PDB file of N, CA and C in Angstrom:
ATOM      1  N   MET A   1      22.219 -41.343 -20.397  1.00  0.00           N
ATOM      2  CA  MET A   1      22.189 -39.772 -20.007  1.00  0.00           C
ATOM      3  C   MET A   1      23.268 -39.036 -20.751  1.00  0.00           C
ATOM      4  N   LYS A   2      22.865 -37.803 -20.913  1.00  0.00           N
ATOM      5  CA  LYS A   2      23.692 -36.756 -21.579  1.00  0.00           C
ATOM      6  C   LYS A   2      24.735 -36.050 -21.068  1.00  0.00           C
ATOM      7  N   LYS A   3      25.626 -35.879 -21.010  1.00  0.00           N
ATOM      8  CA  LYS A   3      26.878 -35.423 -20.686  1.00  0.00           C
ATOM      9  C   LYS A   3      26.738 -33.654 -20.945  1.00  0.00           C
ATOM     10  N   ILE A   4      27.126 -33.252 -20.147  1.00  0.00           N
ATOM     11  CA  ILE A   4      26.642 -31.700 -20.372  1.00  0.00           C
ATOM     12  C   ILE A   4      28.291 -30.927 -19.887  1.00  0.00           C
ATOM     13  N   THR A   5      28.390 -30.291 -21.316  1.00  0.00           N
ATOM     14  CA  THR A   5      30.075 -29.515 -21.043  1.00  0.00           C
ATOM     15  C   THR A   5      29.751 -28.796 -20.111  1.00  0.00           C
ATOM     16  N   LEU A   6      31.022 -28.145 -19.999  1.00  0.00           N
ATOM     17  CA  LEU A   6      31.274 -27.163 -18.986  1.00  0.00           C
ATOM     18  C   LEU A   6      30.872 -25.719 -20.431  1.00  0.00           C
ATOM     19  N   ASP A   7      30.880 -25.482 -20.922  1.00  0.00           N
ATOM     20  CA  ASP A   7      30.550 -24.197 -21.848  1.00  0.00           C
ATOM     21  C   ASP A   7      28.877 -24.452 -21.659  1.00  0.00           C
ATOM     22  N   ASP A   8      28.553 -25.734 -22.079  1.00  0.00           N
ATOM     23  CA  ASP A   8      26.905 -25.936 -21.895  1.00  0.00           C
ATOM     24  C   ASP A   8      26.373 -25.470 -20.852  1.00  0.00           C
ATOM     25  N   ALA A   9      26.805 -25.827 -19.312  1.00  0.00           N
ATOM     26  CA  ALA A   9      26.602 -25.672 -17.817  1.00  0.00           C
ATOM     27  C   ALA A   9      26.544 -23.604 -18.035  1.00  0.00           C
ATOM     28  N   LEU A  10      27.338 -22.870 -18.085  1.00  0.00           N
ATOM     29  CA  LEU A  10      27.640 -21.651 -18.335  1.00  0.00           C
ATOM     30  C   LEU A  10      26.904 -21.045 -19.032  1.00  0.00           C
ATOM     31  N   LEU A  11      26.602 -21.554 -20.218  1.00  0.00           N
ATOM     32  CA  LEU A  11      25.301 -20.606 -21.053  1.00  0.00           C
ATOM     33  C   LEU A  11      24.024 -20.935 -20.086  1.00  0.00           C
ATOM     34  N   LYS A  12      23.767 -22.129 -19.430  1.00  0.00           N
ATOM     35  CA  LYS A  12      22.725 -22.294 -18.883  1.00  0.00           C
ATOM     36  C   LYS A  12      22.297 -21.202 -17.735  1.00  0.00           C
ATOM     37  N   ILE A  13      23.728 -21.363 -17.006  1.00  0.00           N
ATOM     38  CA  ILE A  13      23.423 -20.149 -15.631  1.00  0.00           C
ATOM     39  C   ILE A  13      23.420 -18.902 -16.152  1.00  0.00           C
ATOM     40  N   LYS A  14      23.742 -18.565 -17.406  1.00  0.00           N
ATOM     41  CA  LYS A  14      23.700 -16.778 -17.926  1.00  0.00           C
ATOM     42  C   LYS A  14      22.617 -16.929 -18.184  1.00  0.00           C
ATOM     43  N   ASP A  15      21.719 -17.811 -19.052  1.00  0.00           N
ATOM     44  CA  ASP A  15      20.255 -17.517 -19.220  1.00  0.00           C
ATOM     45  C   ASP A  15      19.353 -17.984 -17.632  1.00  0.00           C
ATOM     46  N   LEU A  16      19.696 -18.726 -16.861  1.00  0.00           N
ATOM     47  CA  LEU A  16      19.338 -18.383 -15.810  1.00  0.00           C
ATOM     48  C   LEU A  16      19.202 -17.124 -14.984  1.00  0.00           C
ATOM     49  N   GLU A  17      20.543 -16.664 -15.402  1.00  0.00           N
ATOM     50  CA  GLU A  17      20.792 -15.083 -14.424  1.00  0.00           C
ATOM     51  C   GLU A  17      19.885 -14.100 -14.998  1.00  0.00           C
ATOM     52  N   LYS A  18      19.692 -13.979 -16.634  1.00  0.00           N
ATOM     53  CA  LYS A  18      19.037 -13.459 -16.816  1.00  0.00           C
ATOM     54  C   LYS A  18      17.478 -13.571 -16.695  1.00  0.00           C
ATOM     55  N   GLU A  19      16.841 -14.583 -16.656  1.00  0.00           N
ATOM     56  CA  GLU A  19      15.660 -14.739 -16.076  1.00  0.00           C
ATOM     57  C   GLU A  19      15.068 -14.681 -14.700  1.00  0.00           C
ATOM     58  N   VAL A  20      16.492 -14.732 -13.830  1.00  0.00           N
ATOM     59  CA  VAL A  20      16.257 -13.911 -12.842  1.00  0.00           C
ATOM     60  C   VAL A  20      16.086 -12.417 -12.566  1.00  0.00           C
ATOM     61  N   LYS A  21      16.995 -11.973 -13.393  1.00  0.00           N
ATOM     62  CA  LYS A  21      16.764 -10.541 -13.147  1.00  0.00           C
ATOM     63  C   LYS A  21      15.176  -9.851 -13.752  1.00  0.00           C
ATOM     64  N   LYS A  22      15.074 -10.602 -14.952  1.00  0.00           N
ATOM     65  CA  LYS A  22      13.924 -10.237 -15.761  1.00  0.00           C
ATOM     66  C   LYS A  22      12.677 -10.291 -14.463  1.00  0.00           C
ATOM     67  N   LEU A  23      12.451 -11.281 -13.986  1.00  0.00           N
ATOM     68  CA  LEU A  23      11.480 -11.685 -12.966  1.00  0.00           C
ATOM     69  C   LEU A  23      11.454 -11.137 -11.322  1.00  0.00           C
ATOM     70  N   LYS A  24      12.712 -10.363 -11.314  1.00  0.00           N
ATOM     71  CA  LYS A  24      13.121  -9.301 -10.152  1.00  0.00           C
ATOM     72  C   LYS A  24      12.574  -7.653 -10.483  1.00  0.00           C
ATOM     73  N   LYS A  25      12.594  -7.920 -11.785  1.00  0.00           N
ATOM     74  CA  LYS A  25      12.075  -6.566 -12.287  1.00  0.00           C
ATOM     75  C   LYS A  25      10.802  -6.158 -11.987  1.00  0.00           C
ATOM     76  N   GLU A  26       9.888  -7.262 -12.759  1.00  0.00           N
ATOM     77  CA  GLU A  26       8.355  -7.436 -12.773  1.00  0.00           C
ATOM     78  C   GLU A  26       7.941  -7.797 -11.184  1.00  0.00           C
ATOM     79  N   ASN A  27       8.845  -8.457 -10.406  1.00  0.00           N
ATOM     80  CA  ASN A  27       8.186  -8.148  -8.867  1.00  0.00           C
ATOM     81  C   ASN A  27       8.204  -6.678  -8.413  1.00  0.00           C
ATOM     82  N   ALA A  28       9.390  -6.100  -8.672  1.00  0.00           N
ATOM     83  CA  ALA A  28       9.378  -4.600  -8.467  1.00  0.00           C
ATOM     84  C   ALA A  28       8.491  -3.802  -8.693  1.00  0.00           C
ATOM     85  N   ASP A  29       8.219  -4.172 -10.208  1.00  0.00           N
ATOM     86  CA  ASP A  29       7.160  -3.359 -10.742  1.00  0.00           C
ATOM     87  C   ASP A  29       5.493  -3.584  -9.739  1.00  0.00           C
ATOM     88  N   LEU A  30       5.438  -4.773  -9.521  1.00  0.00           N
ATOM     89  CA  LEU A  30       4.019  -5.151  -8.950  1.00  0.00           C
ATOM     90  C   LEU A  30       4.158  -4.995  -7.471  1.00  0.00           C
ATOM     91  N   LYS A  31       5.220  -4.628  -6.689  1.00  0.00           N
ATOM     92  CA  LYS A  31       5.057  -4.213  -5.738  1.00  0.00           C
ATOM     93  C   LYS A  31       4.161  -3.035  -5.165  1.00  0.00           C
ATOM     94  N   GLY A  32       3.432  -3.022  -4.306  1.00  0.00           N
ATOM     95  CA  GLY A  32       2.741  -1.989  -3.692  1.00  0.00           C
ATOM     96  C   GLY A  32       1.235  -1.832  -4.957  1.00  0.00           C
ATOM     97  N   LYS A  33       0.868  -2.674  -6.075  1.00  0.00           N
ATOM     98  CA  LYS A  33      -0.304  -2.767  -7.008  1.00  0.00           C
ATOM     99  C   LYS A  33      -1.214  -3.852  -6.774  1.00  0.00           C
ATOM    100  N   ILE A  34      -1.089  -4.729  -5.493  1.00  0.00           N
ATOM    101  CA  ILE A  34      -1.324  -5.848  -5.489  1.00  0.00           C
ATOM    102  C   ILE A  34      -2.367  -5.856  -3.676  1.00  0.00           C
ATOM    103  N   GLY A  35      -3.414  -5.500  -3.841  1.00  0.00           N
ATOM    104  CA  GLY A  35      -4.045  -5.397  -2.949  1.00  0.00           C
ATOM    105  C   GLY A  35      -3.314  -4.504  -1.695  1.00  0.00           C
ATOM    106  N   GLY A  36      -4.073  -4.679  -0.578  1.00  0.00           N
ATOM    107  CA  GLY A  36      -3.389  -3.937   0.708  1.00  0.00           C
ATOM    108  C   GLY A  36      -4.088  -2.583   0.299  1.00  0.00           C
ATOM    109  N   ARG A  37      -3.535  -1.599   1.683  1.00  0.00           N
ATOM    110  CA  ARG A  37      -4.635  -0.673   1.764  1.00  0.00           C
ATOM    111  C   ARG A  37      -3.928   0.489   0.656  1.00  0.00           C
ATOM    112  N   ARG A  38      -4.956   1.392   0.471  1.00  0.00           N
ATOM    113  CA  ARG A  38      -4.422   2.707  -0.583  1.00  0.00           C
ATOM    114  C   ARG A  38      -3.259   3.461   0.236  1.00  0.00           C
ATOM    115  N   LEU A  39      -2.554   4.000  -0.574  1.00  0.00           N
ATOM    116  CA  LEU A  39      -1.575   4.621   0.007  1.00  0.00           C
ATOM    117  C   LEU A  39      -2.439   6.174  -0.412  1.00  0.00           C
ATOM    118  N   HIS A  40      -1.767   7.372   0.652  1.00  0.00           N
ATOM    119  CA  HIS A  40      -2.349   8.369   1.076  1.00  0.00           C
ATOM    120  C   HIS A  40      -2.344   9.079  -0.233  1.00  0.00           C
ATOM    121  N   ASP A  41      -2.871   9.205  -1.014  1.00  0.00           N
ATOM    122  CA  ASP A  41      -3.253   9.548  -2.329  1.00  0.00           C
ATOM    123  C   ASP A  41      -3.788  10.904  -2.266  1.00  0.00           C
ATOM    124  N   ASP A  42      -4.498  11.805  -3.489  1.00  0.00           N
ATOM    125  CA  ASP A  42      -5.053  12.744  -3.588  1.00  0.00           C
ATOM    126  C   ASP A  42      -6.751  12.256  -2.945  1.00  0.00           C
ATOM    127  N   ALA A  43      -7.508  11.357  -3.102  1.00  0.00           N
ATOM    128  CA  ALA A  43      -8.376  11.131  -2.640  1.00  0.00           C
ATOM    129  C   ALA A  43      -8.253  10.612  -1.096  1.00  0.00           C
ATOM    130  N   TRP A  44      -7.593  10.016  -0.964  1.00  0.00           N
ATOM    131  CA  TRP A  44      -7.633   9.662   0.665  1.00  0.00           C
ATOM    132  C   TRP A  44      -7.328  10.896   1.253  1.00  0.00           C
ATOM    133  N   MET A  45      -6.304  11.658   1.008  1.00  0.00           N
ATOM    134  CA  MET A  45      -6.349  13.334   1.902  1.00  0.00           C
ATOM    135  C   MET A  45      -7.419  13.570   1.848  1.00  0.00           C
ATOM    136  N   ALA A  46      -8.066  13.928   0.696  1.00  0.00           N
ATOM    137  CA  ALA A  46      -9.190  15.013   0.594  1.00  0.00           C
ATOM    138  C   ALA A  46     -10.541  14.202   1.423  1.00  0.00           C
ATOM    139  N   LYS A  47     -10.397  12.897   1.857  1.00  0.00           N
ATOM    140  CA  LYS A  47     -11.547  12.031   2.617  1.00  0.00           C
ATOM    141  C   LYS A  47     -10.920  12.287   4.222  1.00  0.00           C
ATOM    142  N   TYR A  48     -10.130  12.369   4.525  1.00  0.00           N
ATOM    143  CA  TYR A  48      -8.889  12.374   5.711  1.00  0.00           C
ATOM    144  C   TYR A  48      -9.368  14.082   5.969  1.00  0.00           C
ATOM    145  N   ASN A  49      -8.984  14.935   5.500  1.00  0.00           N
ATOM    146  CA  ASN A  49      -8.641  16.399   5.598  1.00  0.00           C
ATOM    147  C   ASN A  49     -10.380  16.467   6.364  1.00  0.00           C
ATOM    148  N   ALA A  50     -11.840  16.512   5.221  1.00  0.00           N
ATOM    149  CA  ALA A  50     -13.291  16.473   5.384  1.00  0.00           C
ATOM    150  C   ALA A  50     -13.536  15.587   7.251  1.00  0.00           C
ATOM    151  N   PHE A  51     -12.904  14.266   7.219  1.00  0.00           N
ATOM    152  CA  PHE A  51     -13.265  14.163   8.615  1.00  0.00           C
ATOM    153  C   PHE A  51     -12.259  14.865   9.316  1.00  0.00           C
ATOM    154  N   ILE A  52     -10.909  15.130   9.567  1.00  0.00           N
ATOM    155  CA  ILE A  52     -10.621  16.125  10.397  1.00  0.00           C
ATOM    156  C   ILE A  52     -11.259  17.230  10.933  1.00  0.00           C
ATOM    157  N   LYS A  53     -11.760  17.796   9.830  1.00  0.00           N
ATOM    158  CA  LYS A  53     -12.591  19.211  10.057  1.00  0.00           C
ATOM    159  C   LYS A  53     -13.349  18.924  11.152  1.00  0.00           C
ATOM    160  N   LYS A  54     -14.525  17.861  10.319  1.00  0.00           N
ATOM    161  CA  LYS A  54     -15.572  17.844  11.283  1.00  0.00           C
ATOM    162  C   LYS A  54     -15.490  17.280  13.072  1.00  0.00           C
ATOM    163  N   TYR A  55     -14.041  16.213  12.747  1.00  0.00           N
ATOM    164  CA  TYR A  55     -13.733  15.844  14.171  1.00  0.00           C
ATOM    165  C   TYR A  55     -13.521  17.003  14.899  1.00  0.00           C
ATOM    166  N   GLU A  56     -12.380  17.822  14.721  1.00  0.00           N
ATOM    167  CA  GLU A  56     -12.075  19.175  15.354  1.00  0.00           C
ATOM    168  C   GLU A  56     -13.367  20.054  15.890  1.00  0.00           C
ATOM    169  N   LYS A  57     -14.249  19.790  14.965  1.00  0.00           N
ATOM    170  CA  LYS A  57     -15.459  20.096  15.158  1.00  0.00           C
ATOM    171  C   LYS A  57     -16.681  20.121  15.620  1.00  0.00           C
ATOM    172  N   ARG A  58     -16.672  18.661  16.091  1.00  0.00           N
ATOM    173  CA  ARG A  58     -17.738  17.884  16.927  1.00  0.00           C
ATOM    174  C   ARG A  58     -18.196  18.579  17.943  1.00  0.00           C
ATOM    175  N   GLY A  59     -17.379  18.922  18.727  1.00  0.00           N
ATOM    176  CA  GLY A  59     -18.001  19.499  20.378  1.00  0.00           C
ATOM    177  C   GLY A  59     -17.973  18.090  21.062  1.00  0.00           C
ATOM    178  N   LYS A  60     -19.066  18.080  21.911  1.00  0.00           N
ATOM    179  CA  LYS A  60     -19.353  16.823  22.193  1.00  0.00           C
ATOM    180  C   LYS A  60     -20.318  15.688  21.769  1.00  0.00           C
ATOM    181  N   LYS A  61     -20.224  15.499  20.459  1.00  0.00           N
ATOM    182  CA  LYS A  61     -20.888  14.978  19.683  1.00  0.00           C
ATOM    183  C   LYS A  61     -19.811  13.495  19.791  1.00  0.00           C
ATOM    184  N   PRO A  62     -20.507  12.500  20.070  1.00  0.00           N
ATOM    185  CA  PRO A  62     -19.843  11.124  20.444  1.00  0.00           C
ATOM    186  C   PRO A  62     -18.983  11.105  18.461  1.00  0.00           C
ATOM    187  N   LEU A  63     -17.872  10.016  18.733  1.00  0.00           N
ATOM    188  CA  LEU A  63     -17.192   9.946  17.705  1.00  0.00           C
ATOM    189  C   LEU A  63     -18.085   9.222  16.373  1.00  0.00           C
ATOM    190  N   THR A  64     -18.961   8.104  16.853  1.00  0.00           N
ATOM    191  CA  THR A  64     -20.102   7.419  15.959  1.00  0.00           C
ATOM    192  C   THR A  64     -20.401   8.316  14.872  1.00  0.00           C
ATOM    193  N   GLU A  65     -21.028   9.853  15.506  1.00  0.00           N
ATOM    194  CA  GLU A  65     -21.717  10.512  14.581  1.00  0.00           C
ATOM    195  C   GLU A  65     -20.810  11.382  13.229  1.00  0.00           C
ATOM    196  N   VAL A  66     -19.554  11.644  13.951  1.00  0.00           N
ATOM    197  CA  VAL A  66     -18.890  12.336  12.969  1.00  0.00           C
ATOM    198  C   VAL A  66     -18.532  11.140  11.995  1.00  0.00           C
ATOM    199  N   VAL A  67     -18.250  10.069  12.159  1.00  0.00           N
ATOM    200  CA  VAL A  67     -18.133   8.948  11.401  1.00  0.00           C
ATOM    201  C   VAL A  67     -19.399   8.562  10.353  1.00  0.00           C
ATOM    202  N   GLU A  68     -20.457   8.688  11.021  1.00  0.00           N
ATOM    203  CA  GLU A  68     -21.585   8.157  10.115  1.00  0.00           C
ATOM    204  C   GLU A  68     -21.880   9.745   8.884  1.00  0.00           C
ATOM    205  N   SER A  69     -21.469  10.761   9.668  1.00  0.00           N
ATOM    206  CA  SER A  69     -21.731  11.712   8.563  1.00  0.00           C
ATOM    207  C   SER A  69     -20.841  12.311   7.394  1.00  0.00           C
ATOM    208  N   CYS A  70     -19.265  11.510   7.365  1.00  0.00           N
ATOM    209  CA  CYS A  70     -18.345  11.539   6.601  1.00  0.00           C
ATOM    210  C   CYS A  70     -18.648   9.718   6.125  1.00  0.00           C
ATOM    211  N   GLY A  71     -19.192   9.114   6.058  1.00  0.00           N
ATOM    212  CA  GLY A  71     -19.663   8.113   5.312  1.00  0.00           C
ATOM    213  C   GLY A  71     -18.655   7.189   5.432  1.00  0.00           C
ATOM    214  N   ILE A  72     -17.712   6.719   6.706  1.00  0.00           N
ATOM    215  CA  ILE A  72     -16.608   5.711   6.669  1.00  0.00           C
ATOM    216  C   ILE A  72     -16.669   4.915   7.815  1.00  0.00           C
ATOM    217  N   SER A  73     -16.077   3.840   7.852  1.00  0.00           N
ATOM    218  CA  SER A  73     -16.390   2.871   8.772  1.00  0.00           C
ATOM    219  C   SER A  73     -15.433   3.437  10.017  1.00  0.00           C
ATOM    220  N   ARG A  74     -15.810   2.972  11.104  1.00  0.00           N
ATOM    221  CA  ARG A  74     -14.795   3.511  12.602  1.00  0.00           C
ATOM    222  C   ARG A  74     -13.602   3.118  12.201  1.00  0.00           C
ATOM    223  N   ARG A  75     -13.353   1.906  11.769  1.00  0.00           N
ATOM    224  CA  ARG A  75     -11.990   1.522  11.511  1.00  0.00           C
ATOM    225  C   ARG A  75     -11.268   2.527  11.098  1.00  0.00           C
ATOM    226  N   THR A  76     -11.715   3.193   9.927  1.00  0.00           N
ATOM    227  CA  THR A  76     -11.124   4.026   8.822  1.00  0.00           C
ATOM    228  C   THR A  76     -10.903   5.298  10.029  1.00  0.00           C
ATOM    229  N   ALA A  77     -11.912   5.423  10.614  1.00  0.00           N
ATOM    230  CA  ALA A  77     -12.075   6.686  11.357  1.00  0.00           C
ATOM    231  C   ALA A  77     -10.388   6.741  12.218  1.00  0.00           C
ATOM    232  N   TYR A  78     -10.658   5.663  12.868  1.00  0.00           N
ATOM    233  CA  TYR A  78      -9.318   5.300  14.234  1.00  0.00           C
ATOM    234  C   TYR A  78      -8.027   5.318  13.509  1.00  0.00           C
ATOM    235  N   ARG A  79      -8.028   4.645  11.927  1.00  0.00           N
ATOM    236  CA  ARG A  79      -7.071   5.017  11.345  1.00  0.00           C
ATOM    237  C   ARG A  79      -6.593   6.029  10.907  1.00  0.00           C
ATOM    238  N   TYR A  80      -7.558   7.206  10.350  1.00  0.00           N
ATOM    239  CA  TYR A  80      -6.959   8.702  10.310  1.00  0.00           C
ATOM    240  C   TYR A  80      -6.496   9.323  11.685  1.00  0.00           C
ATOM    241  N   LEU A  81      -7.603   9.088  12.554  1.00  0.00           N
ATOM    242  CA  LEU A  81      -6.596   9.692  14.225  1.00  0.00           C
ATOM    243  C   LEU A  81      -5.642   9.345  14.012  1.00  0.00           C
ATOM    244  N   GLU A  82      -4.966   8.124  14.220  1.00  0.00           N
ATOM    245  CA  GLU A  82      -3.626   7.779  14.321  1.00  0.00           C
ATOM    246  C   GLU A  82      -3.175   8.843  13.539  1.00  0.00           C
ATOM    247  N   PHE A  83      -3.243   8.758  12.430  1.00  0.00           N
ATOM    248  CA  PHE A  83      -2.637   9.457  11.072  1.00  0.00           C
ATOM    249  C   PHE A  83      -2.708  10.804  11.394  1.00  0.00           C
ATOM    250  N   TYR A  84      -3.468  11.431  12.200  1.00  0.00           N
ATOM    251  CA  TYR A  84      -3.497  12.686  12.967  1.00  0.00           C
ATOM    252  C   TYR A  84      -2.579  12.910  14.053  1.00  0.00           C
ATOM    253  N   LYS A  85      -2.657  12.261  14.969  1.00  0.00           N
ATOM    254  CA  LYS A  85      -1.896  11.916  15.885  1.00  0.00           C
ATOM    255  C   LYS A  85      -0.969  12.156  16.000  1.00  0.00           C
ATOM    256  N   GLU A  86      -0.089  11.548  14.980  1.00  0.00           N
ATOM    257  CA  GLU A  86       1.160  11.083  14.107  1.00  0.00           C
ATOM    258  C   GLU A  86       1.723  12.246  13.822  1.00  0.00           C
ATOM    259  N   SER A  87       0.864  13.286  13.083  1.00  0.00           N
ATOM    260  CA  SER A  87       1.753  14.142  12.327  1.00  0.00           C
ATOM    261  C   SER A  87       1.754  15.643  12.966  1.00  0.00           C
ATOM    262  N   LYS A  88       0.984  15.135  14.352  1.00  0.00           N
ATOM    263  CA  LYS A  88       1.236  16.595  14.960  1.00  0.00           C
ATOM    264  C   LYS A  88       2.666  16.801  15.363  1.00  0.00           C
TER     265      LYS A  88
END
């Protein structure tokens, strides 16, 4: 078994710290880019605003008709409504 000197161990520690720093940076760069729901970008806001306009003008129409006319799922409609209520 090879003996490791203190200097060799300190060099190895520095190398490992550099690697950890590099991996943390890569991890930070990837956050929010892997799967999950889309953020509220321009496209999301455009669909949201179109839904809210129809939702507010729906009168006595059921929500399902608004959902169908917007071409979104019911779950998405409920997410939009939740965002709508929070933003008031």
